[in-house]
Amino acid sequence: MNTPYMIDWAITNRCNLNCLHCRGMAKEELNRGVVLKVAEEIPLLKPRWVIIEGGEPLLCKELFEIIELIHRGGIKVYLISNGMLLDENVARRLAGLSVNLMISIDGANKEDYEKIRKGANFQRLRESVAIADEYNILDSCPVTVGKHNYEEIGSLFRFADEIGYKKITFLGLKPCENYEEYVLNAEEYEKFFLSVIRYQKVYEMDVYVDEPFFKPFLKEYDIKYSANPENGIIVPDVSHCVFGDYMFIETNGDVKPCTFAPVVMGNVNEKGIDEIWNDMQNSELIKEIKDFSTRGSPCRECKYLYECGGCRSRTFGLTGSWTESDPSCPLKRTQNLSS
């Protein structure tokens, strides 16, 4: 049996903020016994890495037990936090477990940051990043990009560089409340990508863009990239949409083929994650989605189809179809493909 590319686990629905781009959370949480059972099972599936998120994961009482069990299994752990609850004691414990901490930004100044992340404190953000850097656990700076901030890429680079980040990760906005109001269209994605390319050269900061059509876009513009971290523009060896190639575990135990998909493949209260993963791989929906030849036009005719495949959750959120062409793809413009 093949193994998950990675596992993304929202361990708590509790949060101290109310962010504009929040995808929404399940109302229930797993009990302590199930939580620790899942943490023990994860290394047996041998994912490349595990992402721990929430809500705000630092509000989860079992956080350090979860991380220790996964770490003991030899799996790299990334923790996504808003940073408001980080202090030296927490940072020290995370460092002891070799955690890679990602503190989200989204806004490059006090007004924008606190507007996007309601309840957050701009000065506290600066302090948290400094603490994480001091304990050598600071990883990349996640920025969720939509209409509200895609024209501020230069400012975001400058701010991330100023407060000590060496790498910035841009995440295309995925289905959430008022999604159609904020998601970028093809023209805006093109402008966004060109801005990323431009400012990466200015600040010489490592950049990762979590969009399946980013690598094809780089190829179309003959822009150099690398699969090697700490080397400019980074594109992983697996650059296409990984819908169904990884597992997302919701706070209530529902397991999904994508963090943003309204599809449940099983629940950890009822089955082990190995059985759920096997069921997912044998699902007719997943087989159809992994077969890129099922894509609609112009996706199907694109020369980059198998390097991209389009974001399936975004496509479903905007069109109601799992196999249609990704409406936000900028390659339709660069290749003059008809929609």
C-alpha atoms as a PDB file:
ATOM      1  CA  MET A   1       0.000   0.000   0.000  1.00  0.00           C
ATOM      2  CA  ASN A   2       1.258   3.480  -0.833  1.00  0.00           C
ATOM      3  CA  THR A   3       1.713   5.937   2.003  1.00  0.00           C
ATOM      4  CA  PRO A   4       0.263   9.443   2.496  1.00  0.00           C
ATOM      5  CA  TYR A   5       2.325  12.283   1.082  1.00  0.00           C
ATOM      6  CA  MET A   6       1.720  13.991   4.416  1.00  0.00           C
ATOM      7  CA  ILE A   7      -0.903  14.205   7.166  1.00  0.00           C
ATOM      8  CA  ASP A   8      -2.578  17.463   8.180  1.00  0.00           C
ATOM      9  CA  TRP A   9      -4.292  17.322  11.587  1.00  0.00           C
ATOM     10  CA  ALA A  10      -6.494  20.008  13.118  1.00  0.00           C
ATOM     11  CA  ILE A  11      -6.171  18.975  16.750  1.00  0.00           C
ATOM     12  CA  THR A  12      -8.519  21.572  18.266  1.00  0.00           C
ATOM     13  CA  ASN A  13     -11.390  23.785  17.192  1.00  0.00           C
ATOM     14  CA  ARG A  14     -10.587  26.289  19.922  1.00  0.00           C
ATOM     15  CA  CYS A  15      -9.036  29.543  18.778  1.00  0.00           C
ATOM     16  CA  ASN A  16      -8.222  32.928  20.271  1.00  0.00           C
ATOM     17  CA  LEU A  17      -8.707  34.742  16.935  1.00  0.00           C
ATOM     18  CA  ASN A  18     -11.369  35.157  14.258  1.00  0.00           C
ATOM     19  CA  CYS A  19      -9.581  35.333  10.905  1.00  0.00           C
ATOM     20  CA  LEU A  20     -11.109  36.507   7.647  1.00  0.00           C
ATOM     21  CA  HIS A  21      -9.999  33.371   5.775  1.00  0.00           C
ATOM     22  CA  CYS A  22     -10.971  30.780   8.427  1.00  0.00           C
ATOM     23  CA  ARG A  23     -12.358  27.662   6.745  1.00  0.00           C
ATOM     24  CA  GLY A  24     -14.636  26.953   9.724  1.00  0.00           C
ATOM     25  CA  MET A  25     -14.295  24.132  12.242  1.00  0.00           C
ATOM     26  CA  ALA A  26     -16.196  21.040  13.338  1.00  0.00           C
ATOM     27  CA  LYS A  27     -17.995  21.591  16.653  1.00  0.00           C
ATOM     28  CA  GLU A  28     -16.789  18.401  18.327  1.00  0.00           C
ATOM     29  CA  GLU A  29     -13.312  17.372  19.484  1.00  0.00           C
ATOM     30  CA  LEU A  30     -11.839  13.920  20.002  1.00  0.00           C
ATOM     31  CA  ASN A  31     -11.437  12.604  23.534  1.00  0.00           C
ATOM     32  CA  ARG A  32      -7.986  12.180  24.997  1.00  0.00           C
ATOM     33  CA  GLY A  33      -7.839   8.421  24.426  1.00  0.00           C
ATOM     34  CA  VAL A  34      -8.613   8.679  20.711  1.00  0.00           C
ATOM     35  CA  VAL A  35      -6.255  11.635  20.267  1.00  0.00           C
ATOM     36  CA  LEU A  36      -3.292   9.705  21.641  1.00  0.00           C
ATOM     37  CA  LYS A  37      -4.275   6.570  19.690  1.00  0.00           C
ATOM     38  CA  VAL A  38      -4.239   8.576  16.427  1.00  0.00           C
ATOM     39  CA  ALA A  39      -0.870  10.105  17.345  1.00  0.00           C
ATOM     40  CA  GLU A  40       0.550   6.601  17.847  1.00  0.00           C
ATOM     41  CA  GLU A  41      -0.907   5.361  14.538  1.00  0.00           C
ATOM     42  CA  ILE A  42       0.391   8.217  12.378  1.00  0.00           C
ATOM     43  CA  PRO A  43       4.085   7.138  12.240  1.00  0.00           C
ATOM     44  CA  LEU A  44       2.983   3.639  11.140  1.00  0.00           C
ATOM     45  CA  LEU A  45       1.634   5.154   7.897  1.00  0.00           C
ATOM     46  CA  LYS A  46       5.049   6.749   7.236  1.00  0.00           C
ATOM     47  CA  PRO A  47       3.998  10.161   5.879  1.00  0.00           C
ATOM     48  CA  ARG A  48       6.837  12.468   4.831  1.00  0.00           C
ATOM     49  CA  TRP A  49       5.771  14.940   7.503  1.00  0.00           C
ATOM     50  CA  VAL A  50       2.842  15.931   9.710  1.00  0.00           C
ATOM     51  CA  ILE A  51       1.240  19.353  10.014  1.00  0.00           C
ATOM     52  CA  ILE A  52      -0.354  20.143  13.366  1.00  0.00           C
ATOM     53  CA  GLU A  53      -2.868  22.989  13.274  1.00  0.00           C
ATOM     54  CA  GLY A  54      -6.252  24.073  14.628  1.00  0.00           C
ATOM     55  CA  GLY A  55      -7.925  26.408  15.576  1.00  0.00           C
ATOM     56  CA  GLU A  56      -4.938  27.410  17.627  1.00  0.00           C
ATOM     57  CA  PRO A  57      -2.980  24.231  18.490  1.00  0.00           C
ATOM     58  CA  LEU A  58      -1.331  25.806  21.539  1.00  0.00           C
ATOM     59  CA  LEU A  59      -4.795  25.676  23.160  1.00  0.00           C
ATOM     60  CA  CYS A  60      -4.821  21.866  22.960  1.00  0.00           C
ATOM     61  CA  LYS A  61      -3.995  20.222  26.315  1.00  0.00           C
ATOM     62  CA  GLU A  62      -2.530  17.131  24.644  1.00  0.00           C
ATOM     63  CA  LEU A  63      -0.349  19.088  22.198  1.00  0.00           C
ATOM     64  CA  PHE A  64       3.056  18.073  23.538  1.00  0.00           C
ATOM     65  CA  GLU A  65       2.032  14.437  24.049  1.00  0.00           C
ATOM     66  CA  ILE A  66       0.815  14.322  20.436  1.00  0.00           C
ATOM     67  CA  ILE A  67       4.027  15.823  19.097  1.00  0.00           C
ATOM     68  CA  GLU A  68       6.202  13.545  21.233  1.00  0.00           C
ATOM     69  CA  LEU A  69       4.475  10.404  19.951  1.00  0.00           C
ATOM     70  CA  ILE A  70       4.856  11.500  16.323  1.00  0.00           C
ATOM     71  CA  HIS A  71       8.425  12.697  16.869  1.00  0.00           C
ATOM     72  CA  ARG A  72       9.320   9.397  18.524  1.00  0.00           C
ATOM     73  CA  GLY A  73       8.133   7.672  15.361  1.00  0.00           C
ATOM     74  CA  GLY A  74      10.721   9.581  13.340  1.00  0.00           C
ATOM     75  CA  ILE A  75       8.274  11.876  11.527  1.00  0.00           C
ATOM     76  CA  LYS A  76       9.000  15.581  11.016  1.00  0.00           C
ATOM     77  CA  VAL A  77       6.397  17.866  12.631  1.00  0.00           C
ATOM     78  CA  TYR A  78       5.303  21.316  11.453  1.00  0.00           C
ATOM     79  CA  LEU A  79       3.180  23.380  13.831  1.00  0.00           C
ATOM     80  CA  ILE A  80       1.053  26.237  12.447  1.00  0.00           C
ATOM     81  CA  SER A  81       0.226  28.860  15.075  1.00  0.00           C
ATOM     82  CA  ASN A  82      -0.907  32.474  15.193  1.00  0.00           C
ATOM     83  CA  GLY A  83       1.874  33.053  17.727  1.00  0.00           C
ATOM     84  CA  MET A  84      -0.206  34.928  20.281  1.00  0.00           C
ATOM     85  CA  LEU A  85       0.348  32.291  22.994  1.00  0.00           C
ATOM     86  CA  LEU A  86       4.024  31.560  22.354  1.00  0.00           C
ATOM     87  CA  ASP A  87       6.453  32.242  25.187  1.00  0.00           C
ATOM     88  CA  GLU A  88       9.966  31.055  26.020  1.00  0.00           C
ATOM     89  CA  ASN A  89       8.757  28.017  27.951  1.00  0.00           C
ATOM     90  CA  VAL A  90       6.603  26.806  25.041  1.00  0.00           C
ATOM     91  CA  ALA A  91       9.398  27.536  22.560  1.00  0.00           C
ATOM     92  CA  ARG A  92      11.882  25.581  24.657  1.00  0.00           C
ATOM     93  CA  ARG A  93       9.581  22.532  24.743  1.00  0.00           C
ATOM     94  CA  LEU A  94       8.941  22.720  21.003  1.00  0.00           C
ATOM     95  CA  ALA A  95      12.682  22.950  20.358  1.00  0.00           C
ATOM     96  CA  GLY A  96      13.217  19.812  22.424  1.00  0.00           C
ATOM     97  CA  LEU A  97      10.916  17.962  20.028  1.00  0.00           C
ATOM     98  CA  SER A  98      12.540  19.426  16.874  1.00  0.00           C
ATOM     99  CA  VAL A  99       9.299  21.136  15.853  1.00  0.00           C
ATOM    100  CA  ASN A 100       9.257  23.438  12.815  1.00  0.00           C
ATOM    101  CA  LEU A 101       7.088  26.392  13.861  1.00  0.00           C
ATOM    102  CA  MET A 102       5.166  28.414  11.290  1.00  0.00           C
ATOM    103  CA  ILE A 103       3.668  31.697  12.563  1.00  0.00           C
ATOM    104  CA  SER A 104       1.148  33.160  10.141  1.00  0.00           C
ATOM    105  CA  ILE A 105       1.184  36.813   9.079  1.00  0.00           C
ATOM    106  CA  ASP A 106      -1.216  37.807   6.212  1.00  0.00           C
ATOM    107  CA  GLY A 107      -0.849  41.556   6.826  1.00  0.00           C
ATOM    108  CA  ALA A 108       2.368  43.624   6.667  1.00  0.00           C
ATOM    109  CA  ASN A 109       1.324  46.410   9.037  1.00  0.00           C
ATOM    110  CA  LYS A 110      -0.657  46.723  12.245  1.00  0.00           C
ATOM    111  CA  GLU A 111      -3.885  47.879  10.602  1.00  0.00           C
ATOM    112  CA  ASP A 112      -4.002  45.190   7.892  1.00  0.00           C
ATOM    113  CA  TYR A 113      -2.764  42.379  10.124  1.00  0.00           C
ATOM    114  CA  GLU A 114      -5.262  43.050  12.916  1.00  0.00           C
ATOM    115  CA  LYS A 115      -8.095  43.538  10.409  1.00  0.00           C
ATOM    116  CA  ILE A 116      -7.460  40.158   8.754  1.00  0.00           C
ATOM    117  CA  ARG A 117      -6.688  38.388  12.047  1.00  0.00           C
ATOM    118  CA  LYS A 118      -9.325  39.769  14.394  1.00  0.00           C
ATOM    119  CA  GLY A 119      -8.195  39.565  18.012  1.00  0.00           C
ATOM    120  CA  ALA A 120      -4.479  39.419  17.174  1.00  0.00           C
ATOM    121  CA  ASN A 121      -1.845  41.872  18.389  1.00  0.00           C
ATOM    122  CA  PHE A 122       0.764  43.121  15.940  1.00  0.00           C
ATOM    123  CA  GLN A 123       3.438  43.735  18.574  1.00  0.00           C
ATOM    124  CA  ARG A 124       2.841  40.281  20.075  1.00  0.00           C
ATOM    125  CA  LEU A 125       3.433  38.807  16.608  1.00  0.00           C
ATOM    126  CA  ARG A 126       6.841  40.471  16.416  1.00  0.00           C
ATOM    127  CA  GLU A 127       7.767  39.193  19.878  1.00  0.00           C
ATOM    128  CA  SER A 128       6.683  35.621  19.063  1.00  0.00           C
ATOM    129  CA  VAL A 129       8.713  35.482  15.865  1.00  0.00           C
ATOM    130  CA  ALA A 130      11.760  36.741  17.795  1.00  0.00           C
ATOM    131  CA  ILE A 131      11.314  34.037  20.454  1.00  0.00           C
ATOM    132  CA  ALA A 132      10.904  31.298  17.827  1.00  0.00           C
ATOM    133  CA  ASP A 133      14.013  32.529  16.040  1.00  0.00           C
ATOM    134  CA  GLU A 134      15.985  32.563  19.303  1.00  0.00           C
ATOM    135  CA  TYR A 135      15.117  28.901  19.947  1.00  0.00           C
ATOM    136  CA  ASN A 136      15.874  27.932  16.341  1.00  0.00           C
ATOM    137  CA  ILE A 137      12.392  26.571  15.627  1.00  0.00           C
ATOM    138  CA  LEU A 138      11.233  29.288  13.221  1.00  0.00           C
ATOM    139  CA  ASP A 139      10.283  27.822   9.862  1.00  0.00           C
ATOM    140  CA  SER A 140       8.543  29.615   7.006  1.00  0.00           C
ATOM    141  CA  CYS A 141       6.075  32.463   7.287  1.00  0.00           C
ATOM    142  CA  PRO A 142       2.637  31.331   6.019  1.00  0.00           C
ATOM    143  CA  VAL A 143       0.633  33.992   4.172  1.00  0.00           C
ATOM    144  CA  THR A 144      -2.870  33.216   2.896  1.00  0.00           C
ATOM    145  CA  VAL A 145      -3.384  35.200  -0.306  1.00  0.00           C
ATOM    146  CA  GLY A 146      -6.665  36.540  -1.662  1.00  0.00           C
ATOM    147  CA  LYS A 147      -8.109  39.730  -3.108  1.00  0.00           C
ATOM    148  CA  HIS A 148      -7.630  41.394   0.278  1.00  0.00           C
ATOM    149  CA  ASN A 149      -3.812  41.283   0.140  1.00  0.00           C
ATOM    150  CA  TYR A 150      -2.449  40.020  -3.214  1.00  0.00           C
ATOM    151  CA  GLU A 151      -1.352  43.531  -4.217  1.00  0.00           C
ATOM    152  CA  GLU A 152       0.718  43.846  -1.022  1.00  0.00           C
ATOM    153  CA  ILE A 153       3.306  41.174  -1.855  1.00  0.00           C
ATOM    154  CA  GLY A 154       6.232  43.612  -1.738  1.00  0.00           C
ATOM    155  CA  SER A 155       5.194  44.856   1.709  1.00  0.00           C
ATOM    156  CA  LEU A 156       4.744  41.294   2.968  1.00  0.00           C
ATOM    157  CA  PHE A 157       8.228  40.328   1.780  1.00  0.00           C
ATOM    158  CA  ARG A 158       9.710  43.421   3.388  1.00  0.00           C
ATOM    159  CA  PHE A 159       7.959  42.806   6.707  1.00  0.00           C
ATOM    160  CA  ALA A 160       8.805  39.083   6.826  1.00  0.00           C
ATOM    161  CA  ASP A 161      12.438  39.920   6.128  1.00  0.00           C
ATOM    162  CA  GLU A 162      12.441  42.697   8.727  1.00  0.00           C
ATOM    163  CA  ILE A 163      11.202  40.523  11.588  1.00  0.00           C
ATOM    164  CA  GLY A 164      13.603  37.660  10.891  1.00  0.00           C
ATOM    165  CA  TYR A 165      12.027  35.169   8.503  1.00  0.00           C
ATOM    166  CA  LYS A 166      14.281  33.425   5.973  1.00  0.00           C
ATOM    167  CA  LYS A 167      11.448  31.736   4.076  1.00  0.00           C
ATOM    168  CA  ILE A 168       7.918  32.731   3.121  1.00  0.00           C
ATOM    169  CA  THR A 169       5.107  30.353   2.131  1.00  0.00           C
ATOM    170  CA  PHE A 170       2.185  31.700   0.123  1.00  0.00           C
ATOM    171  CA  LEU A 171      -1.066  29.755   0.391  1.00  0.00           C
ATOM    172  CA  GLY A 172      -3.779  30.435  -2.156  1.00  0.00           C
ATOM    173  CA  LEU A 173      -7.070  31.129  -0.398  1.00  0.00           C
ATOM    174  CA  LYS A 174      -9.171  27.982  -0.269  1.00  0.00           C
ATOM    175  CA  PRO A 175     -12.943  27.549   0.291  1.00  0.00           C
ATOM    176  CA  CYS A 176     -14.160  29.519   3.296  1.00  0.00           C
ATOM    177  CA  GLU A 177     -16.984  31.914   4.172  1.00  0.00           C
ATOM    178  CA  ASN A 178     -17.587  34.481   1.378  1.00  0.00           C
ATOM    179  CA  TYR A 179     -15.060  32.559  -0.745  1.00  0.00           C
ATOM    180  CA  GLU A 180     -16.087  33.923  -4.129  1.00  0.00           C
ATOM    181  CA  GLU A 181     -15.634  37.450  -2.806  1.00  0.00           C
ATOM    182  CA  TYR A 182     -11.962  36.891  -1.926  1.00  0.00           C
ATOM    183  CA  VAL A 183     -10.541  34.143  -4.185  1.00  0.00           C
ATOM    184  CA  LEU A 184      -8.175  35.340  -6.923  1.00  0.00           C
ATOM    185  CA  ASN A 185      -9.150  34.987 -10.574  1.00  0.00           C
ATOM    186  CA  ALA A 186      -6.739  33.978 -13.361  1.00  0.00           C
ATOM    187  CA  GLU A 187      -5.549  37.527 -14.081  1.00  0.00           C
ATOM    188  CA  GLU A 188      -4.964  38.240 -10.392  1.00  0.00           C
ATOM    189  CA  TYR A 189      -3.027  34.989  -9.951  1.00  0.00           C
ATOM    190  CA  GLU A 190      -0.782  36.010 -12.830  1.00  0.00           C
ATOM    191  CA  LYS A 191      -0.087  39.381 -11.181  1.00  0.00           C
ATOM    192  CA  PHE A 192       0.475  37.688  -7.830  1.00  0.00           C
ATOM    193  CA  PHE A 193       2.965  35.160  -9.251  1.00  0.00           C
ATOM    194  CA  LEU A 194       4.891  37.864 -11.123  1.00  0.00           C
ATOM    195  CA  SER A 195       5.101  39.879  -7.879  1.00  0.00           C
ATOM    196  CA  VAL A 196       6.428  36.855  -5.977  1.00  0.00           C
ATOM    197  CA  ILE A 197       9.091  36.289  -8.636  1.00  0.00           C
ATOM    198  CA  ARG A 198      10.075  39.963  -8.605  1.00  0.00           C
ATOM    199  CA  TYR A 199      10.338  40.397  -4.828  1.00  0.00           C
ATOM    200  CA  GLN A 200      12.085  37.079  -4.268  1.00  0.00           C
ATOM    201  CA  LYS A 201      14.987  38.551  -6.250  1.00  0.00           C
ATOM    202  CA  VAL A 202      14.879  41.784  -4.255  1.00  0.00           C
ATOM    203  CA  TYR A 203      14.916  40.169  -0.810  1.00  0.00           C
ATOM    204  CA  GLU A 204      16.702  36.919  -1.746  1.00  0.00           C
ATOM    205  CA  MET A 205      14.321  35.060   0.538  1.00  0.00           C
ATOM    206  CA  ASP A 206      13.339  31.430   0.014  1.00  0.00           C
ATOM    207  CA  VAL A 207       9.802  31.203  -1.361  1.00  0.00           C
ATOM    208  CA  TYR A 208       7.288  28.398  -1.626  1.00  0.00           C
ATOM    209  CA  VAL A 209       3.905  28.918  -3.308  1.00  0.00           C
ATOM    210  CA  ASP A 210       1.303  26.267  -2.472  1.00  0.00           C
ATOM    211  CA  GLU A 211      -0.540  26.216  -5.798  1.00  0.00           C
ATOM    212  CA  PRO A 212      -0.422  23.357  -8.344  1.00  0.00           C
ATOM    213  CA  PHE A 213      -0.120  25.744 -11.297  1.00  0.00           C
ATOM    214  CA  PHE A 214       2.860  27.642  -9.864  1.00  0.00           C
ATOM    215  CA  LYS A 215       5.524  25.274 -11.264  1.00  0.00           C
ATOM    216  CA  PRO A 216       3.967  25.309 -14.783  1.00  0.00           C
ATOM    217  CA  PHE A 217       3.790  29.108 -14.557  1.00  0.00           C
ATOM    218  CA  LEU A 218       7.515  29.250 -13.761  1.00  0.00           C
ATOM    219  CA  LYS A 219       8.236  26.996 -16.713  1.00  0.00           C
ATOM    220  CA  GLU A 220       6.091  29.116 -19.017  1.00  0.00           C
ATOM    221  CA  TYR A 221       8.097  32.211 -18.024  1.00  0.00           C
ATOM    222  CA  ASP A 222      11.418  30.330 -17.964  1.00  0.00           C
ATOM    223  CA  ILE A 223      11.995  31.160 -14.277  1.00  0.00           C
ATOM    224  CA  LYS A 224      14.562  29.077 -12.400  1.00  0.00           C
ATOM    225  CA  TYR A 225      13.423  27.085  -9.385  1.00  0.00           C
ATOM    226  CA  SER A 226      14.758  24.349  -7.137  1.00  0.00           C
ATOM    227  CA  ALA A 227      13.444  21.405  -5.128  1.00  0.00           C
ATOM    228  CA  ASN A 228      16.184  22.152  -2.607  1.00  0.00           C
ATOM    229  CA  PRO A 229      15.181  24.137   0.495  1.00  0.00           C
ATOM    230  CA  GLU A 230      17.196  27.301   1.143  1.00  0.00           C
ATOM    231  CA  ASN A 231      17.617  27.880  -2.561  1.00  0.00           C
ATOM    232  CA  GLY A 232      15.439  30.721  -3.854  1.00  0.00           C
ATOM    233  CA  ILE A 233      12.126  29.720  -5.439  1.00  0.00           C
ATOM    234  CA  ILE A 234      11.255  26.252  -4.170  1.00  0.00           C
ATOM    235  CA  VAL A 235       9.034  23.747  -5.970  1.00  0.00           C
ATOM    236  CA  PRO A 236       8.638  20.285  -4.382  1.00  0.00           C
ATOM    237  CA  ASP A 237       9.125  17.082  -6.350  1.00  0.00           C
ATOM    238  CA  VAL A 238       5.356  16.585  -6.144  1.00  0.00           C
ATOM    239  CA  SER A 239       3.935  19.856  -7.452  1.00  0.00           C
ATOM    240  CA  HIS A 240       0.499  18.784  -8.704  1.00  0.00           C
ATOM    241  CA  CYS A 241      -2.726  18.901  -6.686  1.00  0.00           C
ATOM    242  CA  VAL A 242      -2.354  16.278  -3.947  1.00  0.00           C
ATOM    243  CA  PHE A 243      -6.092  15.750  -3.361  1.00  0.00           C
ATOM    244  CA  GLY A 244      -6.381  12.178  -2.098  1.00  0.00           C
ATOM    245  CA  ASP A 245      -2.600  11.783  -1.834  1.00  0.00           C
ATOM    246  CA  TYR A 246      -2.681  12.967   1.766  1.00  0.00           C
ATOM    247  CA  MET A 247      -5.035  12.883   4.754  1.00  0.00           C
ATOM    248  CA  PHE A 248      -6.663  15.712   6.644  1.00  0.00           C
ATOM    249  CA  ILE A 249      -7.946  14.828  10.117  1.00  0.00           C
ATOM    250  CA  GLU A 250     -10.673  17.165  11.347  1.00  0.00           C
ATOM    251  CA  THR A 251     -11.105  18.040  15.044  1.00  0.00           C
ATOM    252  CA  ASN A 252     -14.060  15.636  15.321  1.00  0.00           C
ATOM    253  CA  GLY A 253     -12.077  12.775  13.756  1.00  0.00           C
ATOM    254  CA  ASP A 254     -13.458  13.010  10.227  1.00  0.00           C
ATOM    255  CA  VAL A 255     -10.790  12.139   7.670  1.00  0.00           C
ATOM    256  CA  LYS A 256     -10.846  13.993   4.354  1.00  0.00           C
ATOM    257  CA  PRO A 257      -8.795  13.773   1.125  1.00  0.00           C
ATOM    258  CA  CYS A 258      -8.098  17.516   1.354  1.00  0.00           C
ATOM    259  CA  THR A 259      -8.212  20.062   4.157  1.00  0.00           C
ATOM    260  CA  PHE A 260     -10.832  22.057   2.261  1.00  0.00           C
ATOM    261  CA  ALA A 261     -12.959  19.275   0.757  1.00  0.00           C
ATOM    262  CA  PRO A 262     -16.573  18.666   1.865  1.00  0.00           C
ATOM    263  CA  VAL A 263     -15.975  14.905   1.574  1.00  0.00           C
ATOM    264  CA  VAL A 264     -15.499  12.505   4.504  1.00  0.00           C
ATOM    265  CA  MET A 265     -13.775   9.152   3.980  1.00  0.00           C
ATOM    266  CA  GLY A 266     -14.145   7.852   7.534  1.00  0.00           C
ATOM    267  CA  ASN A 267     -13.809   8.798  11.190  1.00  0.00           C
ATOM    268  CA  VAL A 268     -11.033   7.840  13.600  1.00  0.00           C
ATOM    269  CA  ASN A 269     -13.625   7.136  16.325  1.00  0.00           C
ATOM    270  CA  GLU A 270     -14.764   4.180  14.223  1.00  0.00           C
ATOM    271  CA  LYS A 271     -11.675   2.971  12.320  1.00  0.00           C
ATOM    272  CA  GLY A 272      -7.895   3.115  12.439  1.00  0.00           C
ATOM    273  CA  ILE A 273      -6.311   5.676  10.124  1.00  0.00           C
ATOM    274  CA  ASP A 274      -4.593   2.900   8.151  1.00  0.00           C
ATOM    275  CA  GLU A 275      -7.987   1.397   7.265  1.00  0.00           C
ATOM    276  CA  ILE A 276      -9.413   4.813   6.394  1.00  0.00           C
ATOM    277  CA  TRP A 277      -6.404   5.548   4.195  1.00  0.00           C
ATOM    278  CA  ASN A 278      -6.889   2.254   2.385  1.00  0.00           C
ATOM    279  CA  ASP A 279     -10.601   3.000   1.902  1.00  0.00           C
ATOM    280  CA  MET A 280      -9.700   6.431   0.530  1.00  0.00           C
ATOM    281  CA  GLN A 281      -7.298   4.993  -2.042  1.00  0.00           C
ATOM    282  CA  ASN A 282      -9.997   2.588  -3.235  1.00  0.00           C
ATOM    283  CA  SER A 283     -12.702   5.255  -3.419  1.00  0.00           C
ATOM    284  CA  GLU A 284     -14.187   5.768  -6.897  1.00  0.00           C
ATOM    285  CA  LEU A 285     -14.169   9.551  -6.365  1.00  0.00           C
ATOM    286  CA  ILE A 286     -10.468   9.579  -5.507  1.00  0.00           C
ATOM    287  CA  LYS A 287      -9.648   7.336  -8.457  1.00  0.00           C
ATOM    288  CA  GLU A 288     -11.524   9.692 -10.777  1.00  0.00           C
ATOM    289  CA  ILE A 289      -9.813  12.782  -9.384  1.00  0.00           C
ATOM    290  CA  LYS A 290      -6.353  11.185  -9.561  1.00  0.00           C
ATOM    291  CA  ASP A 291      -7.016  10.360 -13.217  1.00  0.00           C
ATOM    292  CA  PHE A 292      -6.098  13.737 -14.689  1.00  0.00           C
ATOM    293  CA  SER A 293      -7.506  12.705 -18.068  1.00  0.00           C
ATOM    294  CA  THR A 294     -10.984  13.240 -16.575  1.00  0.00           C
ATOM    295  CA  ARG A 295     -10.372  17.009 -16.365  1.00  0.00           C
ATOM    296  CA  GLY A 296     -12.608  19.322 -18.344  1.00  0.00           C
ATOM    297  CA  SER A 297     -11.366  21.815 -20.927  1.00  0.00           C
ATOM    298  CA  PRO A 298      -9.113  23.759 -21.131  1.00  0.00           C
ATOM    299  CA  CYS A 299      -7.344  21.837 -18.336  1.00  0.00           C
ATOM    300  CA  ARG A 300      -7.393  18.596 -20.342  1.00  0.00           C
ATOM    301  CA  GLU A 301      -5.595  20.164 -23.318  1.00  0.00           C
ATOM    302  CA  CYS A 302      -2.932  21.951 -21.241  1.00  0.00           C
ATOM    303  CA  LYS A 303       0.647  20.741 -21.749  1.00  0.00           C
ATOM    304  CA  TYR A 304       1.167  20.986 -17.984  1.00  0.00           C
ATOM    305  CA  LEU A 305      -1.854  18.879 -17.040  1.00  0.00           C
ATOM    306  CA  TYR A 306       0.079  16.133 -15.235  1.00  0.00           C
ATOM    307  CA  GLU A 307       2.318  18.599 -13.398  1.00  0.00           C
ATOM    308  CA  CYS A 308      -0.685  20.526 -12.139  1.00  0.00           C
ATOM    309  CA  GLY A 309      -4.191  19.088 -12.415  1.00  0.00           C
ATOM    310  CA  GLY A 310      -5.711  22.239 -10.931  1.00  0.00           C
ATOM    311  CA  CYS A 311      -6.854  22.659  -7.323  1.00  0.00           C
ATOM    312  CA  ARG A 312      -9.773  20.282  -6.870  1.00  0.00           C
ATOM    313  CA  SER A 313     -11.255  21.833  -3.711  1.00  0.00           C
ATOM    314  CA  ARG A 314     -11.191  25.332  -5.214  1.00  0.00           C
ATOM    315  CA  THR A 315     -12.722  24.031  -8.451  1.00  0.00           C
ATOM    316  CA  PHE A 316     -15.500  22.247  -6.578  1.00  0.00           C
ATOM    317  CA  GLY A 317     -16.093  25.316  -4.403  1.00  0.00           C
ATOM    318  CA  LEU A 318     -16.497  27.545  -7.453  1.00  0.00           C
ATOM    319  CA  THR A 319     -18.139  25.199  -9.979  1.00  0.00           C
ATOM    320  CA  GLY A 320     -19.734  22.355  -8.009  1.00  0.00           C
ATOM    321  CA  SER A 321     -17.725  19.859 -10.093  1.00  0.00           C
ATOM    322  CA  TRP A 322     -14.697  17.789  -9.073  1.00  0.00           C
ATOM    323  CA  THR A 323     -13.374  17.437 -12.629  1.00  0.00           C
ATOM    324  CA  GLU A 324     -13.906  20.826 -14.262  1.00  0.00           C
ATOM    325  CA  SER A 325     -10.966  23.057 -15.212  1.00  0.00           C
ATOM    326  CA  ASP A 326      -9.627  25.213 -12.350  1.00  0.00           C
ATOM    327  CA  PRO A 327     -11.308  28.638 -12.832  1.00  0.00           C
ATOM    328  CA  SER A 328      -8.385  30.498 -11.231  1.00  0.00           C
ATOM    329  CA  CYS A 329      -5.624  29.042 -13.406  1.00  0.00           C
ATOM    330  CA  PRO A 330      -3.432  31.775 -14.985  1.00  0.00           C
ATOM    331  CA  LEU A 331      -2.088  29.363 -17.614  1.00  0.00           C
ATOM    332  CA  LYS A 332      -5.284  29.878 -19.594  1.00  0.00           C
ATOM    333  CA  ARG A 333      -3.959  33.382 -20.183  1.00  0.00           C
ATOM    334  CA  THR A 334      -0.287  32.636 -20.857  1.00  0.00           C
ATOM    335  CA  GLN A 335      -1.111  29.789 -23.275  1.00  0.00           C
ATOM    336  CA  ASN A 336      -4.121  31.562 -24.804  1.00  0.00           C
ATOM    337  CA  LEU A 337      -6.324  28.588 -24.003  1.00  0.00           C
ATOM    338  CA  SER A 338     -10.038  29.114 -24.384  1.00  0.00           C
ATOM    339  CA  SER A 339     -12.262  28.503 -21.401  1.00  0.00           C
END
